[in-house]
Amino acid sequence: MEILDGKGFNVLTIVLAVLALALGGVSVYYARRALFPPKRRLSYALESASPLVDQSGLQSGSMTIEVLCNGVPLADPHLAVVRLKNSGRHAIASEQFDQQRALEIDLSASVVELLSAEADQHGTVIGACAVSGETISFGPELIRKGEEIILTALVEGAPTLDVRDHFVDVQLKPAIADSPAVVALVAQRFLASAGAAGGAALAAAVASLLS
């Protein structure tokens, strides 16, 4: 049996080390994918719920404003704007809609008409929507990474928002609005990095905007 000389042994050792590193890298990659699956997240918010007629500004008996839709009068019409955003790291494919069941957007007010459904990355998605009573169904539909979808609906009554999903591996959560607590935290960090004088002025300016 031929014995490897020192040079051959060193080459074999390097090759084995490289193979071990490669196998280790592959193992770490697949272990990481198993332990930390791709983060898919969809956030939602009721951007606005504006009455079409401000009844409080009308004096009793002075005048009457009536809103009609297809000839039918509406007692308390509102314009509801709902924003959906893929705020995760990956696209949400149609396969993430479990058993092809749609996202259910409940406005707690009768949806008279869905006026528009626009995705900022590929135009109208109104074909992926359906209206039933107080609910707008959306999907299954590809939602690209970072994509925002704006739904505008005419509803009867003041709307509120509740969203129900049947997603697989997608986290559904309400969008985080800019609150006084969040602004205070930003101002505090600015104080630490930019100095008390400039930070205090910024915090005072932000507080005046919130008041």
C-alpha atoms as a PDB file:
ATOM      1  CA  MET A   1       0.000   0.000   0.000  1.00  0.00           C
ATOM      2  CA  GLU A   2       1.441   3.308  -1.089  1.00  0.00           C
ATOM      3  CA  ILE A   3       1.839   5.824   1.695  1.00  0.00           C
ATOM      4  CA  LEU A   4       1.081   9.467   0.866  1.00  0.00           C
ATOM      5  CA  ASP A   5       4.023  11.796   1.158  1.00  0.00           C
ATOM      6  CA  GLY A   6       3.747  15.027   3.140  1.00  0.00           C
ATOM      7  CA  LYS A   7       2.640  17.113   0.129  1.00  0.00           C
ATOM      8  CA  GLY A   8      -0.070  14.664  -0.901  1.00  0.00           C
ATOM      9  CA  PHE A   9      -1.307  14.413   2.670  1.00  0.00           C
ATOM     10  CA  ASN A  10      -1.572  18.204   2.920  1.00  0.00           C
ATOM     11  CA  VAL A  11      -3.571  18.432  -0.342  1.00  0.00           C
ATOM     12  CA  LEU A  12      -5.935  15.674   0.815  1.00  0.00           C
ATOM     13  CA  THR A  13      -6.398  17.437   4.151  1.00  0.00           C
ATOM     14  CA  ILE A  14      -7.276  20.725   2.415  1.00  0.00           C
ATOM     15  CA  VAL A  15      -9.746  19.004   0.083  1.00  0.00           C
ATOM     16  CA  LEU A  16     -11.445  17.252   2.984  1.00  0.00           C
ATOM     17  CA  ALA A  17     -11.588  20.514   4.942  1.00  0.00           C
ATOM     18  CA  VAL A  18     -13.182  22.349   1.999  1.00  0.00           C
ATOM     19  CA  LEU A  19     -15.753  19.562   1.569  1.00  0.00           C
ATOM     20  CA  ALA A  20     -16.527  19.669   5.289  1.00  0.00           C
ATOM     21  CA  LEU A  21     -17.022  23.445   5.168  1.00  0.00           C
ATOM     22  CA  ALA A  22     -19.287  23.134   2.118  1.00  0.00           C
ATOM     23  CA  LEU A  23     -21.387  20.416   3.752  1.00  0.00           C
ATOM     24  CA  GLY A  24     -21.519  22.436   6.945  1.00  0.00           C
ATOM     25  CA  GLY A  25     -22.711  25.507   5.038  1.00  0.00           C
ATOM     26  CA  VAL A  26     -25.444  23.515   3.287  1.00  0.00           C
ATOM     27  CA  SER A  27     -26.534  22.020   6.605  1.00  0.00           C
ATOM     28  CA  VAL A  28     -26.689  25.440   8.268  1.00  0.00           C
ATOM     29  CA  TYR A  29     -28.687  26.840   5.325  1.00  0.00           C
ATOM     30  CA  TYR A  30     -31.352  24.143   5.459  1.00  0.00           C
ATOM     31  CA  ALA A  31     -31.436  24.135   9.261  1.00  0.00           C
ATOM     32  CA  ARG A  32     -31.985  27.893   9.236  1.00  0.00           C
ATOM     33  CA  ARG A  33     -34.805  27.556   6.709  1.00  0.00           C
ATOM     34  CA  ALA A  34     -36.429  24.913   8.902  1.00  0.00           C
ATOM     35  CA  LEU A  35     -36.105  26.906  12.117  1.00  0.00           C
ATOM     36  CA  PHE A  36     -36.714  30.353  10.628  1.00  0.00           C
ATOM     37  CA  PRO A  37     -39.114  30.110   7.658  1.00  0.00           C
ATOM     38  CA  PRO A  38     -39.458  33.110   5.299  1.00  0.00           C
ATOM     39  CA  LYS A  39     -41.271  35.943   7.046  1.00  0.00           C
ATOM     40  CA  ARG A  40     -44.464  36.824   5.239  1.00  0.00           C
ATOM     41  CA  ARG A  41     -46.580  39.536   6.765  1.00  0.00           C
ATOM     42  CA  LEU A  42     -49.673  41.455   5.675  1.00  0.00           C
ATOM     43  CA  SER A  43     -50.726  44.599   7.523  1.00  0.00           C
ATOM     44  CA  TYR A  44     -54.047  46.372   7.218  1.00  0.00           C
ATOM     45  CA  ALA A  45     -55.581  49.707   8.198  1.00  0.00           C
ATOM     46  CA  LEU A  46     -58.740  51.732   7.750  1.00  0.00           C
ATOM     47  CA  GLU A  47     -57.103  54.806   6.265  1.00  0.00           C
ATOM     48  CA  SER A  48     -60.236  56.944   6.299  1.00  0.00           C
ATOM     49  CA  ALA A  49     -63.966  56.716   6.942  1.00  0.00           C
ATOM     50  CA  SER A  50     -65.381  59.991   5.702  1.00  0.00           C
ATOM     51  CA  PRO A  51     -69.096  60.867   5.711  1.00  0.00           C
ATOM     52  CA  LEU A  52     -70.271  62.217   2.368  1.00  0.00           C
ATOM     53  CA  VAL A  53     -72.703  64.537   4.121  1.00  0.00           C
ATOM     54  CA  ASP A  54     -71.826  66.334   7.330  1.00  0.00           C
ATOM     55  CA  GLN A  55     -75.217  66.384   8.977  1.00  0.00           C
ATOM     56  CA  SER A  56     -73.888  68.233  12.020  1.00  0.00           C
ATOM     57  CA  GLY A  57     -73.240  71.318   9.902  1.00  0.00           C
ATOM     58  CA  LEU A  58     -76.828  71.568   8.709  1.00  0.00           C
ATOM     59  CA  GLN A  59     -79.442  73.500  10.612  1.00  0.00           C
ATOM     60  CA  SER A  60     -82.670  71.703  11.308  1.00  0.00           C
ATOM     61  CA  GLY A  61     -85.306  72.485   8.698  1.00  0.00           C
ATOM     62  CA  SER A  62     -82.996  74.659   6.596  1.00  0.00           C
ATOM     63  CA  MET A  63     -82.163  72.331   3.744  1.00  0.00           C
ATOM     64  CA  THR A  64     -81.926  68.679   2.760  1.00  0.00           C
ATOM     65  CA  ILE A  65     -79.017  66.964   1.025  1.00  0.00           C
ATOM     66  CA  GLU A  66     -79.729  63.529  -0.388  1.00  0.00           C
ATOM     67  CA  VAL A  67     -77.188  61.073  -1.764  1.00  0.00           C
ATOM     68  CA  LEU A  68     -78.411  58.549  -4.298  1.00  0.00           C
ATOM     69  CA  CYS A  69     -76.702  55.429  -5.623  1.00  0.00           C
ATOM     70  CA  ASN A  70     -78.339  53.910  -8.689  1.00  0.00           C
ATOM     71  CA  GLY A  71     -81.476  55.823  -7.771  1.00  0.00           C
ATOM     72  CA  VAL A  72     -81.565  54.493  -4.195  1.00  0.00           C
ATOM     73  CA  PRO A  73     -81.228  57.121  -1.403  1.00  0.00           C
ATOM     74  CA  LEU A  74     -78.553  56.554   1.240  1.00  0.00           C
ATOM     75  CA  ALA A  75     -79.277  57.646   4.794  1.00  0.00           C
ATOM     76  CA  ASP A  76     -75.666  57.823   6.083  1.00  0.00           C
ATOM     77  CA  PRO A  77     -73.203  57.353   3.220  1.00  0.00           C
ATOM     78  CA  HIS A  78     -69.494  57.059   4.015  1.00  0.00           C
ATOM     79  CA  LEU A  79     -66.402  56.616   1.899  1.00  0.00           C
ATOM     80  CA  ALA A  80     -64.177  53.905   3.375  1.00  0.00           C
ATOM     81  CA  VAL A  81     -60.546  53.537   2.310  1.00  0.00           C
ATOM     82  CA  VAL A  82     -58.748  50.328   3.346  1.00  0.00           C
ATOM     83  CA  ARG A  83     -55.014  49.813   2.908  1.00  0.00           C
ATOM     84  CA  LEU A  84     -53.384  46.389   2.720  1.00  0.00           C
ATOM     85  CA  LYS A  85     -49.591  46.175   2.642  1.00  0.00           C
ATOM     86  CA  ASN A  86     -47.168  43.309   2.243  1.00  0.00           C
ATOM     87  CA  SER A  87     -44.818  44.405   5.019  1.00  0.00           C
ATOM     88  CA  GLY A  88     -42.839  41.154   5.127  1.00  0.00           C
ATOM     89  CA  ARG A  89     -39.652  40.058   3.431  1.00  0.00           C
ATOM     90  CA  HIS A  90     -41.212  37.888   0.739  1.00  0.00           C
ATOM     91  CA  ALA A  91     -44.089  37.934  -1.724  1.00  0.00           C
ATOM     92  CA  ILE A  92     -47.380  36.389  -0.655  1.00  0.00           C
ATOM     93  CA  ALA A  93     -48.296  33.897  -3.363  1.00  0.00           C
ATOM     94  CA  SER A  94     -51.802  32.742  -4.145  1.00  0.00           C
ATOM     95  CA  GLU A  95     -50.799  29.380  -2.644  1.00  0.00           C
ATOM     96  CA  GLN A  96     -50.610  31.090   0.774  1.00  0.00           C
ATOM     97  CA  PHE A  97     -54.426  31.459   0.653  1.00  0.00           C
ATOM     98  CA  ASP A  98     -55.396  28.178   2.345  1.00  0.00           C
ATOM     99  CA  GLN A  99     -57.734  26.143   0.129  1.00  0.00           C
ATOM    100  CA  GLN A 100     -57.997  29.249  -2.076  1.00  0.00           C
ATOM    101  CA  ARG A 101     -60.138  30.981   0.568  1.00  0.00           C
ATOM    102  CA  ALA A 102     -60.184  34.764   0.259  1.00  0.00           C
ATOM    103  CA  LEU A 103     -59.185  37.431   2.744  1.00  0.00           C
ATOM    104  CA  GLU A 104     -62.372  38.776   4.371  1.00  0.00           C
ATOM    105  CA  ILE A 105     -62.489  42.529   4.966  1.00  0.00           C
ATOM    106  CA  ASP A 106     -65.445  43.272   7.244  1.00  0.00           C
ATOM    107  CA  LEU A 107     -66.444  46.951   7.401  1.00  0.00           C
ATOM    108  CA  SER A 108     -69.414  46.500   9.780  1.00  0.00           C
ATOM    109  CA  ALA A 109     -71.456  48.639   7.382  1.00  0.00           C
ATOM    110  CA  SER A 110     -73.319  47.646   4.254  1.00  0.00           C
ATOM    111  CA  VAL A 111     -71.042  47.928   1.217  1.00  0.00           C
ATOM    112  CA  VAL A 112     -73.087  49.746  -1.406  1.00  0.00           C
ATOM    113  CA  GLU A 113     -70.368  49.605  -4.051  1.00  0.00           C
ATOM    114  CA  LEU A 114     -66.659  48.854  -4.312  1.00  0.00           C
ATOM    115  CA  LEU A 115     -65.443  51.915  -6.200  1.00  0.00           C
ATOM    116  CA  SER A 116     -61.833  50.892  -6.808  1.00  0.00           C
ATOM    117  CA  ALA A 117     -59.147  48.370  -5.869  1.00  0.00           C
ATOM    118  CA  GLU A 118     -55.646  49.431  -6.852  1.00  0.00           C
ATOM    119  CA  ALA A 119     -52.258  47.767  -6.291  1.00  0.00           C
ATOM    120  CA  ASP A 120     -49.325  50.146  -6.561  1.00  0.00           C
ATOM    121  CA  GLN A 121     -47.150  47.603  -8.411  1.00  0.00           C
ATOM    122  CA  HIS A 122     -49.563  46.188 -10.994  1.00  0.00           C
ATOM    123  CA  GLY A 123     -52.659  48.370 -11.323  1.00  0.00           C
ATOM    124  CA  THR A 124     -56.243  47.411 -10.659  1.00  0.00           C
ATOM    125  CA  VAL A 125     -57.057  44.234  -8.717  1.00  0.00           C
ATOM    126  CA  ILE A 126     -60.798  44.737  -8.613  1.00  0.00           C
ATOM    127  CA  GLY A 127     -61.208  41.402 -10.419  1.00  0.00           C
ATOM    128  CA  ALA A 128     -59.801  39.691  -7.315  1.00  0.00           C
ATOM    129  CA  CYS A 129     -62.511  41.260  -5.112  1.00  0.00           C
ATOM    130  CA  ALA A 130     -66.113  40.360  -4.352  1.00  0.00           C
ATOM    131  CA  VAL A 131     -68.725  42.137  -2.219  1.00  0.00           C
ATOM    132  CA  SER A 132     -71.255  40.456   0.035  1.00  0.00           C
ATOM    133  CA  GLY A 133     -73.210  42.461   2.591  1.00  0.00           C
ATOM    134  CA  GLU A 134     -70.704  44.187   4.879  1.00  0.00           C
ATOM    135  CA  THR A 135     -67.703  42.230   3.605  1.00  0.00           C
ATOM    136  CA  ILE A 136     -65.215  42.668   0.767  1.00  0.00           C
ATOM    137  CA  SER A 137     -63.417  39.440  -0.158  1.00  0.00           C
ATOM    138  CA  PHE A 138     -59.945  39.682  -1.676  1.00  0.00           C
ATOM    139  CA  GLY A 139     -57.885  36.965  -3.311  1.00  0.00           C
ATOM    140  CA  PRO A 140     -56.397  34.538  -3.805  1.00  0.00           C
ATOM    141  CA  GLU A 141     -53.969  36.935  -5.468  1.00  0.00           C
ATOM    142  CA  LEU A 142     -50.206  37.466  -5.618  1.00  0.00           C
ATOM    143  CA  ILE A 143     -49.140  40.311  -3.330  1.00  0.00           C
ATOM    144  CA  ARG A 144     -45.601  41.354  -4.140  1.00  0.00           C
ATOM    145  CA  LYS A 145     -43.012  42.308  -1.529  1.00  0.00           C
ATOM    146  CA  GLY A 146     -43.651  45.871  -0.342  1.00  0.00           C
ATOM    147  CA  GLU A 147     -46.846  46.163  -2.382  1.00  0.00           C
ATOM    148  CA  GLU A 148     -49.761  48.272  -1.144  1.00  0.00           C
ATOM    149  CA  ILE A 149     -53.365  47.660  -2.130  1.00  0.00           C
ATOM    150  CA  ILE A 150     -55.930  50.416  -1.664  1.00  0.00           C
ATOM    151  CA  LEU A 151     -59.638  49.540  -1.580  1.00  0.00           C
ATOM    152  CA  THR A 152     -62.184  52.355  -1.781  1.00  0.00           C
ATOM    153  CA  ALA A 153     -65.819  51.553  -1.007  1.00  0.00           C
ATOM    154  CA  LEU A 154     -69.086  53.428  -0.639  1.00  0.00           C
ATOM    155  CA  VAL A 155     -70.806  52.149   2.509  1.00  0.00           C
ATOM    156  CA  GLU A 156     -74.024  52.851   4.371  1.00  0.00           C
ATOM    157  CA  GLY A 157     -73.157  53.916   7.909  1.00  0.00           C
ATOM    158  CA  ALA A 158     -69.892  54.625   9.748  1.00  0.00           C
ATOM    159  CA  PRO A 159     -67.462  51.753   9.027  1.00  0.00           C
ATOM    160  CA  THR A 160     -65.049  49.947  11.317  1.00  0.00           C
ATOM    161  CA  LEU A 161     -62.503  47.386  10.182  1.00  0.00           C
ATOM    162  CA  ASP A 162     -62.052  43.714  10.998  1.00  0.00           C
ATOM    163  CA  VAL A 163     -59.983  41.452   8.723  1.00  0.00           C
ATOM    164  CA  ARG A 164     -60.176  37.644   8.784  1.00  0.00           C
ATOM    165  CA  ASP A 165     -57.715  35.425   6.952  1.00  0.00           C
ATOM    166  CA  HIS A 166     -57.101  31.794   6.008  1.00  0.00           C
ATOM    167  CA  PHE A 167     -53.408  32.238   5.289  1.00  0.00           C
ATOM    168  CA  VAL A 168     -50.667  29.643   5.477  1.00  0.00           C
ATOM    169  CA  ASP A 169     -47.355  30.938   6.891  1.00  0.00           C
ATOM    170  CA  VAL A 170     -48.475  34.574   6.701  1.00  0.00           C
ATOM    171  CA  GLN A 171     -48.847  36.844   9.718  1.00  0.00           C
ATOM    172  CA  LEU A 172     -51.823  39.203   9.544  1.00  0.00           C
ATOM    173  CA  LYS A 173     -51.621  42.268  11.762  1.00  0.00           C
ATOM    174  CA  PRO A 174     -53.026  45.803  11.981  1.00  0.00           C
ATOM    175  CA  ALA A 175     -50.712  48.535  10.734  1.00  0.00           C
ATOM    176  CA  ILE A 176     -48.897  50.437  13.468  1.00  0.00           C
ATOM    177  CA  ALA A 177     -50.020  54.038  13.426  1.00  0.00           C
ATOM    178  CA  ASP A 178     -47.829  56.929  14.525  1.00  0.00           C
ATOM    179  CA  SER A 179     -48.882  57.292  18.149  1.00  0.00           C
ATOM    180  CA  PRO A 180     -47.661  59.772  20.806  1.00  0.00           C
ATOM    181  CA  ALA A 181     -45.728  56.929  22.436  1.00  0.00           C
ATOM    182  CA  VAL A 182     -43.917  56.114  19.186  1.00  0.00           C
ATOM    183  CA  VAL A 183     -43.165  59.785  18.542  1.00  0.00           C
ATOM    184  CA  ALA A 184     -41.893  60.180  22.113  1.00  0.00           C
ATOM    185  CA  LEU A 185     -39.526  57.238  21.597  1.00  0.00           C
ATOM    186  CA  VAL A 186     -38.192  58.772  18.377  1.00  0.00           C
ATOM    187  CA  ALA A 187     -37.690  62.097  20.144  1.00  0.00           C
ATOM    188  CA  GLN A 188     -35.874  60.358  23.021  1.00  0.00           C
ATOM    189  CA  ARG A 189     -33.463  58.669  20.636  1.00  0.00           C
ATOM    190  CA  PHE A 190     -32.870  61.956  18.884  1.00  0.00           C
ATOM    191  CA  LEU A 191     -32.033  63.546  22.253  1.00  0.00           C
ATOM    192  CA  ALA A 192     -29.416  60.890  22.898  1.00  0.00           C
ATOM    193  CA  SER A 193     -27.747  61.236  19.502  1.00  0.00           C
ATOM    194  CA  ALA A 194     -28.102  64.900  18.599  1.00  0.00           C
ATOM    195  CA  GLY A 195     -27.916  66.669  21.962  1.00  0.00           C
ATOM    196  CA  ALA A 196     -30.472  67.924  24.423  1.00  0.00           C
ATOM    197  CA  ALA A 197     -31.043  71.360  22.920  1.00  0.00           C
ATOM    198  CA  GLY A 198     -31.873  70.348  19.353  1.00  0.00           C
ATOM    199  CA  GLY A 199     -33.752  67.249  20.488  1.00  0.00           C
ATOM    200  CA  ALA A 200     -35.908  69.190  22.932  1.00  0.00           C
ATOM    201  CA  ALA A 201     -36.882  71.601  20.188  1.00  0.00           C
ATOM    202  CA  LEU A 202     -37.854  68.688  17.924  1.00  0.00           C
ATOM    203  CA  ALA A 203     -39.836  67.004  20.690  1.00  0.00           C
ATOM    204  CA  ALA A 204     -41.689  70.253  21.428  1.00  0.00           C
ATOM    205  CA  ALA A 205     -42.508  70.700  17.753  1.00  0.00           C
ATOM    206  CA  VAL A 206     -43.807  67.136  17.436  1.00  0.00           C
ATOM    207  CA  ALA A 207     -45.866  67.502  20.634  1.00  0.00           C
ATOM    208  CA  SER A 208     -47.446  70.680  19.289  1.00  0.00           C
ATOM    209  CA  LEU A 209     -48.461  68.844  16.113  1.00  0.00           C
ATOM    210  CA  LEU A 210     -50.062  66.048  18.123  1.00  0.00           C
ATOM    211  CA  SER A 211     -51.962  68.348  20.477  1.00  0.00           C
END
